[in-house]
Amino acid sequence: MAEFSKEELEAARKAISSSIRKIEKVKETLSEKQPPPKSQLTLASRNLQAMRIAMSLINRELKENEEKEA
């Protein structure tokens, strides 16, 4: 697996966090439409889940790096 610096991981975490907030807003807006666009809601939900998984993996990597440095 590729090695990433702490700075790269923190920058990625910041970008993904921003994307999560944006996707959540899009999903909320889509849910309010009548009738709700099912395919777009599904896509937003899947993207949101992928971003949350990526965030989790980045956080785990940062934690492991901190433990190695301690």
PDB file of N, CA and C in Angstrom:
ATOM      1  N   MET A   1       0.844  -1.176   0.000  1.00  0.00           N
ATOM      2  CA  MET A   1       0.000   0.000   0.000  1.00  0.00           C
ATOM      3  C   MET A   1       0.890   1.240   0.000  1.00  0.00           C
ATOM      4  N   ALA A   2       0.431   2.267  -0.636  1.00  0.00           N
ATOM      5  CA  ALA A   2       1.200   3.499  -0.740  1.00  0.00           C
ATOM      6  C   ALA A   2       1.308   4.175   0.620  1.00  0.00           C
ATOM      7  N   GLU A   3       2.427   4.799   0.844  1.00  0.00           N
ATOM      8  CA  GLU A   3       2.647   5.560   2.071  1.00  0.00           C
ATOM      9  C   GLU A   3       2.354   7.029   1.792  1.00  0.00           C
ATOM     10  N   PHE A   4       1.618   7.645   2.688  1.00  0.00           N
ATOM     11  CA  PHE A   4       1.284   9.055   2.553  1.00  0.00           C
ATOM     12  C   PHE A   4       1.788   9.795   3.773  1.00  0.00           C
ATOM     13  N   SER A   5       2.200  11.019   3.549  1.00  0.00           N
ATOM     14  CA  SER A   5       2.681  11.825   4.663  1.00  0.00           C
ATOM     15  C   SER A   5       1.504  12.280   5.520  1.00  0.00           C
ATOM     16  N   LYS A   6       1.817  12.695   6.738  1.00  0.00           N
ATOM     17  CA  LYS A   6       0.784  13.200   7.648  1.00  0.00           C
ATOM     18  C   LYS A   6       0.074  14.394   7.017  1.00  0.00           C
ATOM     19  N   GLU A   7       0.830  15.255   6.356  1.00  0.00           N
ATOM     20  CA  GLU A   7       0.250  16.439   5.722  1.00  0.00           C
ATOM     21  C   GLU A   7      -0.713  16.057   4.603  1.00  0.00           C
ATOM     22  N   GLU A   8      -0.339  15.055   3.814  1.00  0.00           N
ATOM     23  CA  GLU A   8      -1.222  14.598   2.730  1.00  0.00           C
ATOM     24  C   GLU A   8      -2.519  14.017   3.287  1.00  0.00           C
ATOM     25  N   LEU A   9      -2.401  13.235   4.343  1.00  0.00           N
ATOM     26  CA  LEU A   9      -3.588  12.630   4.957  1.00  0.00           C
ATOM     27  C   LEU A   9      -4.496  13.688   5.570  1.00  0.00           C
ATOM     28  N   GLU A  10      -3.914  14.678   6.221  1.00  0.00           N
ATOM     29  CA  GLU A  10      -4.724  15.741   6.821  1.00  0.00           C
ATOM     30  C   GLU A  10      -5.407  16.592   5.752  1.00  0.00           C
ATOM     31  N   ALA A  11      -4.716  16.836   4.638  1.00  0.00           N
ATOM     32  CA  ALA A  11      -5.325  17.589   3.537  1.00  0.00           C
ATOM     33  C   ALA A  11      -6.478  16.790   2.922  1.00  0.00           C
ATOM     34  N   ALA A  12      -6.276  15.490   2.767  1.00  0.00           N
ATOM     35  CA  ALA A  12      -7.338  14.632   2.228  1.00  0.00           C
ATOM     36  C   ALA A  12      -8.529  14.590   3.183  1.00  0.00           C
ATOM     37  N   ARG A  13      -8.254  14.523   4.474  1.00  0.00           N
ATOM     38  CA  ARG A  13      -9.335  14.500   5.467  1.00  0.00           C
ATOM     39  C   ARG A  13     -10.146  15.789   5.399  1.00  0.00           C
ATOM     40  N   LYS A  14      -9.469  16.912   5.235  1.00  0.00           N
ATOM     41  CA  LYS A  14     -10.159  18.202   5.134  1.00  0.00           C
ATOM     42  C   LYS A  14     -11.041  18.241   3.877  1.00  0.00           C
ATOM     43  N   ALA A  15     -10.513  17.770   2.750  1.00  0.00           N
ATOM     44  CA  ALA A  15     -11.264  17.771   1.494  1.00  0.00           C
ATOM     45  C   ALA A  15     -12.465  16.837   1.571  1.00  0.00           C
ATOM     46  N   ILE A  16     -12.268  15.665   2.156  1.00  0.00           N
ATOM     47  CA  ILE A  16     -13.361  14.706   2.255  1.00  0.00           C
ATOM     48  C   ILE A  16     -14.430  15.217   3.213  1.00  0.00           C
ATOM     49  N   SER A  17     -14.015  15.843   4.296  1.00  0.00           N
ATOM     50  CA  SER A  17     -14.972  16.420   5.233  1.00  0.00           C
ATOM     51  C   SER A  17     -15.850  17.457   4.538  1.00  0.00           C
ATOM     52  N   SER A  18     -15.250  18.272   3.710  1.00  0.00           N
ATOM     53  CA  SER A  18     -15.997  19.273   2.947  1.00  0.00           C
ATOM     54  C   SER A  18     -16.972  18.594   1.982  1.00  0.00           C
ATOM     55  N   SER A  19     -16.513  17.557   1.322  1.00  0.00           N
ATOM     56  CA  SER A  19     -17.374  16.831   0.385  1.00  0.00           C
ATOM     57  C   SER A  19     -18.551  16.179   1.101  1.00  0.00           C
ATOM     58  N   ILE A  20     -18.305  15.645   2.290  1.00  0.00           N
ATOM     59  CA  ILE A  20     -19.387  15.026   3.064  1.00  0.00           C
ATOM     60  C   ILE A  20     -20.461  16.057   3.373  1.00  0.00           C
ATOM     61  N   ARG A  21     -20.053  17.236   3.835  1.00  0.00           N
ATOM     62  CA  ARG A  21     -21.036  18.280   4.146  1.00  0.00           C
ATOM     63  C   ARG A  21     -21.832  18.672   2.900  1.00  0.00           C
ATOM     64  N   LYS A  22     -21.173  18.794   1.766  1.00  0.00           N
ATOM     65  CA  LYS A  22     -21.855  19.174   0.527  1.00  0.00           C
ATOM     66  C   LYS A  22     -22.837  18.095   0.075  1.00  0.00           C
ATOM     67  N   ILE A  23     -22.419  16.836   0.149  1.00  0.00           N
ATOM     68  CA  ILE A  23     -23.300  15.746  -0.272  1.00  0.00           C
ATOM     69  C   ILE A  23     -24.506  15.660   0.654  1.00  0.00           C
ATOM     70  N   GLU A  24     -24.299  15.878   1.959  1.00  0.00           N
ATOM     71  CA  GLU A  24     -25.424  15.864   2.899  1.00  0.00           C
ATOM     72  C   GLU A  24     -26.434  16.953   2.551  1.00  0.00           C
ATOM     73  N   LYS A  25     -25.945  18.139   2.160  1.00  0.00           N
ATOM     74  CA  LYS A  25     -26.849  19.226   1.769  1.00  0.00           C
ATOM     75  C   LYS A  25     -27.596  18.878   0.492  1.00  0.00           C
ATOM     76  N   VAL A  26     -26.898  18.294  -0.472  1.00  0.00           N
ATOM     77  CA  VAL A  26     -27.533  17.887  -1.731  1.00  0.00           C
ATOM     78  C   VAL A  26     -28.607  16.844  -1.456  1.00  0.00           C
ATOM     79  N   LYS A  27     -28.280  15.872  -0.612  1.00  0.00           N
ATOM     80  CA  LYS A  27     -29.239  14.816  -0.287  1.00  0.00           C
ATOM     81  C   LYS A  27     -30.480  15.401   0.382  1.00  0.00           C
ATOM     82  N   GLU A  28     -30.281  16.343   1.277  1.00  0.00           N
ATOM     83  CA  GLU A  28     -31.410  16.995   1.944  1.00  0.00           C
ATOM     84  C   GLU A  28     -32.278  17.745   0.940  1.00  0.00           C
ATOM     85  N   THR A  29     -31.651  18.472   0.031  1.00  0.00           N
ATOM     86  CA  THR A  29     -32.384  19.224  -0.989  1.00  0.00           C
ATOM     87  C   THR A  29     -33.164  18.281  -1.896  1.00  0.00           C
ATOM     88  N   LEU A  30     -32.536  17.190  -2.309  1.00  0.00           N
ATOM     89  CA  LEU A  30     -33.211  16.222  -3.173  1.00  0.00           C
ATOM     90  C   LEU A  30     -34.402  15.579  -2.465  1.00  0.00           C
ATOM     91  N   SER A  31     -34.246  15.323  -1.173  1.00  0.00           N
ATOM     92  CA  SER A  31     -35.328  14.689  -0.408  1.00  0.00           C
ATOM     93  C   SER A  31     -36.561  15.568  -0.314  1.00  0.00           C
ATOM     94  N   GLU A  32     -36.362  16.879  -0.389  1.00  0.00           N
ATOM     95  CA  GLU A  32     -37.477  17.819  -0.271  1.00  0.00           C
ATOM     96  C   GLU A  32     -38.278  17.956  -1.561  1.00  0.00           C
ATOM     97  N   LYS A  33     -37.702  17.530  -2.686  1.00  0.00           N
ATOM     98  CA  LYS A  33     -38.404  17.634  -3.973  1.00  0.00           C
ATOM     99  C   LYS A  33     -39.545  16.622  -4.031  1.00  0.00           C
ATOM    100  N   GLN A  34     -40.585  16.994  -4.757  1.00  0.00           N
ATOM    101  CA  GLN A  34     -41.729  16.105  -4.936  1.00  0.00           C
ATOM    102  C   GLN A  34     -41.947  15.851  -6.414  1.00  0.00           C
ATOM    103  N   PRO A  35     -41.910  14.650  -6.891  1.00  0.00           N
ATOM    104  CA  PRO A  35     -41.477  13.457  -6.168  1.00  0.00           C
ATOM    105  C   PRO A  35     -39.951  13.436  -6.056  1.00  0.00           C
ATOM    106  N   PRO A  36     -39.419  12.816  -5.011  1.00  0.00           N
ATOM    107  CA  PRO A  36     -37.967  12.783  -4.857  1.00  0.00           C
ATOM    108  C   PRO A  36     -37.318  11.985  -5.991  1.00  0.00           C
ATOM    109  N   PRO A  37     -36.248  12.513  -6.559  1.00  0.00           N
ATOM    110  CA  PRO A  37     -35.557  11.803  -7.650  1.00  0.00           C
ATOM    111  C   PRO A  37     -34.778  10.611  -7.091  1.00  0.00           C
ATOM    112  N   LYS A  38     -35.365   9.441  -7.209  1.00  0.00           N
ATOM    113  CA  LYS A  38     -34.831   8.241  -6.565  1.00  0.00           C
ATOM    114  C   LYS A  38     -33.398   7.919  -6.979  1.00  0.00           C
ATOM    115  N   SER A  39     -33.088   7.995  -8.256  1.00  0.00           N
ATOM    116  CA  SER A  39     -31.741   7.628  -8.706  1.00  0.00           C
ATOM    117  C   SER A  39     -30.691   8.603  -8.178  1.00  0.00           C
ATOM    118  N   GLN A  40     -31.029   9.889  -8.130  1.00  0.00           N
ATOM    119  CA  GLN A  40     -30.086  10.875  -7.609  1.00  0.00           C
ATOM    120  C   GLN A  40     -29.895  10.719  -6.106  1.00  0.00           C
ATOM    121  N   LEU A  41     -30.969  10.386  -5.397  1.00  0.00           N
ATOM    122  CA  LEU A  41     -30.854  10.138  -3.955  1.00  0.00           C
ATOM    123  C   LEU A  41     -29.994   8.907  -3.672  1.00  0.00           C
ATOM    124  N   THR A  42     -30.174   7.880  -4.480  1.00  0.00           N
ATOM    125  CA  THR A  42     -29.368   6.664  -4.328  1.00  0.00           C
ATOM    126  C   THR A  42     -27.896   6.973  -4.562  1.00  0.00           C
ATOM    127  N   LEU A  43     -27.607   7.717  -5.606  1.00  0.00           N
ATOM    128  CA  LEU A  43     -26.232   8.087  -5.909  1.00  0.00           C
ATOM    129  C   LEU A  43     -25.624   8.921  -4.781  1.00  0.00           C
ATOM    130  N   ALA A  44     -26.373   9.886  -4.277  1.00  0.00           N
ATOM    131  CA  ALA A  44     -25.879  10.724  -3.178  1.00  0.00           C
ATOM    132  C   ALA A  44     -25.613   9.876  -1.941  1.00  0.00           C
ATOM    133  N   SER A  45     -26.491   8.937  -1.650  1.00  0.00           N
ATOM    134  CA  SER A  45     -26.314   8.054  -0.490  1.00  0.00           C
ATOM    135  C   SER A  45     -25.070   7.197  -0.638  1.00  0.00           C
ATOM    136  N   ARG A  46     -24.869   6.665  -1.821  1.00  0.00           N
ATOM    137  CA  ARG A  46     -23.678   5.825  -2.061  1.00  0.00           C
ATOM    138  C   ARG A  46     -22.399   6.648  -1.991  1.00  0.00           C
ATOM    139  N   ASN A  47     -22.433   7.850  -2.536  1.00  0.00           N
ATOM    140  CA  ASN A  47     -21.258   8.720  -2.462  1.00  0.00           C
ATOM    141  C   ASN A  47     -20.955   9.107  -1.024  1.00  0.00           C
ATOM    142  N   LEU A  48     -21.995   9.385  -0.269  1.00  0.00           N
ATOM    143  CA  LEU A  48     -21.830   9.740   1.132  1.00  0.00           C
ATOM    144  C   LEU A  48     -21.199   8.578   1.904  1.00  0.00           C
ATOM    145  N   GLN A  49     -21.677   7.375   1.669  1.00  0.00           N
ATOM    146  CA  GLN A  49     -21.110   6.200   2.338  1.00  0.00           C
ATOM    147  C   GLN A  49     -19.645   6.006   1.952  1.00  0.00           C
ATOM    148  N   ALA A  50     -19.309   6.186   0.692  1.00  0.00           N
ATOM    149  CA  ALA A  50     -17.923   6.045   0.247  1.00  0.00           C
ATOM    150  C   ALA A  50     -17.029   7.087   0.914  1.00  0.00           C
ATOM    151  N   MET A  51     -17.519   8.305   1.031  1.00  0.00           N
ATOM    152  CA  MET A  51     -16.738   9.362   1.680  1.00  0.00           C
ATOM    153  C   MET A  51     -16.526   9.065   3.165  1.00  0.00           C
ATOM    154  N   ARG A  52     -17.550   8.534   3.814  1.00  0.00           N
ATOM    155  CA  ARG A  52     -17.418   8.187   5.236  1.00  0.00           C
ATOM    156  C   ARG A  52     -16.420   7.048   5.435  1.00  0.00           C
ATOM    157  N   ILE A  53     -16.406   6.096   4.527  1.00  0.00           N
ATOM    158  CA  ILE A  53     -15.428   5.003   4.593  1.00  0.00           C
ATOM    159  C   ILE A  53     -14.023   5.565   4.399  1.00  0.00           C
ATOM    160  N   ALA A  54     -13.862   6.433   3.415  1.00  0.00           N
ATOM    161  CA  ALA A  54     -12.553   7.041   3.168  1.00  0.00           C
ATOM    162  C   ALA A  54     -12.078   7.820   4.396  1.00  0.00           C
ATOM    163  N   MET A  55     -12.997   8.565   5.016  1.00  0.00           N
ATOM    164  CA  MET A  55     -12.652   9.336   6.214  1.00  0.00           C
ATOM    165  C   MET A  55     -12.202   8.405   7.331  1.00  0.00           C
ATOM    166  N   SER A  56     -12.906   7.308   7.500  1.00  0.00           N
ATOM    167  CA  SER A  56     -12.557   6.342   8.532  1.00  0.00           C
ATOM    168  C   SER A  56     -11.165   5.760   8.304  1.00  0.00           C
ATOM    169  N   LEU A  57     -10.864   5.423   7.066  1.00  0.00           N
ATOM    170  CA  LEU A  57      -9.556   4.858   6.745  1.00  0.00           C
ATOM    171  C   LEU A  57      -8.438   5.879   6.952  1.00  0.00           C
ATOM    172  N   ILE A  58      -8.689   7.114   6.591  1.00  0.00           N
ATOM    173  CA  ILE A  58      -7.694   8.171   6.803  1.00  0.00           C
ATOM    174  C   ILE A  58      -7.456   8.374   8.297  1.00  0.00           C
ATOM    175  N   ASN A  59      -8.533   8.424   9.073  1.00  0.00           N
ATOM    176  CA  ASN A  59      -8.390   8.584  10.528  1.00  0.00           C
ATOM    177  C   ASN A  59      -7.610   7.427  11.142  1.00  0.00           C
ATOM    178  N   ARG A  60      -7.874   6.210  10.665  1.00  0.00           N
ATOM    179  CA  ARG A  60      -7.151   5.047  11.173  1.00  0.00           C
ATOM    180  C   ARG A  60      -5.657   5.152  10.849  1.00  0.00           C
ATOM    181  N   GLU A  61      -5.364   5.565   9.632  1.00  0.00           N
ATOM    182  CA  GLU A  61      -3.963   5.697   9.219  1.00  0.00           C
ATOM    183  C   GLU A  61      -3.253   6.769  10.048  1.00  0.00           C
ATOM    184  N   LEU A  62      -3.911   7.886  10.273  1.00  0.00           N
ATOM    185  CA  LEU A  62      -3.319   8.950  11.086  1.00  0.00           C
ATOM    186  C   LEU A  62      -3.072   8.465  12.519  1.00  0.00           C
ATOM    187  N   LYS A  63      -4.024   7.714  13.070  1.00  0.00           N
ATOM    188  CA  LYS A  63      -3.874   7.185  14.431  1.00  0.00           C
ATOM    189  C   LYS A  63      -2.705   6.205  14.495  1.00  0.00           C
ATOM    190  N   GLU A  64      -2.586   5.325  13.515  1.00  0.00           N
ATOM    191  CA  GLU A  64      -1.475   4.368  13.490  1.00  0.00           C
ATOM    192  C   GLU A  64      -0.143   5.097  13.383  1.00  0.00           C
ATOM    193  N   ASN A  65      -0.091   6.150  12.584  1.00  0.00           N
ATOM    194  CA  ASN A  65       1.147   6.919  12.452  1.00  0.00           C
ATOM    195  C   ASN A  65       1.513   7.597  13.759  1.00  0.00           C
ATOM    196  N   GLU A  66       0.514   8.115  14.477  1.00  0.00           N
ATOM    197  CA  GLU A  66       0.768   8.743  15.779  1.00  0.00           C
ATOM    198  C   GLU A  66       1.297   7.723  16.782  1.00  0.00           C
ATOM    199  N   GLU A  67       0.749   6.517  16.769  1.00  0.00           N
ATOM    200  CA  GLU A  67       1.192   5.483  17.687  1.00  0.00           C
ATOM    201  C   GLU A  67       2.616   5.045  17.382  1.00  0.00           C
ATOM    202  N   LYS A  68       2.992   5.019  16.121  1.00  0.00           N
ATOM    203  CA  LYS A  68       4.354   4.655  15.738  1.00  0.00           C
ATOM    204  C   LYS A  68       5.354   5.711  16.202  1.00  0.00           C
ATOM    205  N   GLU A  69       4.929   6.988  16.156  1.00  0.00           N
ATOM    206  CA  GLU A  69       5.799   8.086  16.545  1.00  0.00           C
ATOM    207  C   GLU A  69       5.952   8.179  18.063  1.00  0.00           C
ATOM    208  N   ALA A  70       4.997   7.640  18.802  1.00  0.00           N
ATOM    209  CA  ALA A  70       5.037   7.755  20.279  1.00  0.00           C
ATOM    210  C   ALA A  70       6.024   6.799  20.897  1.00  0.00           C
TER     211      ALA A  70
END
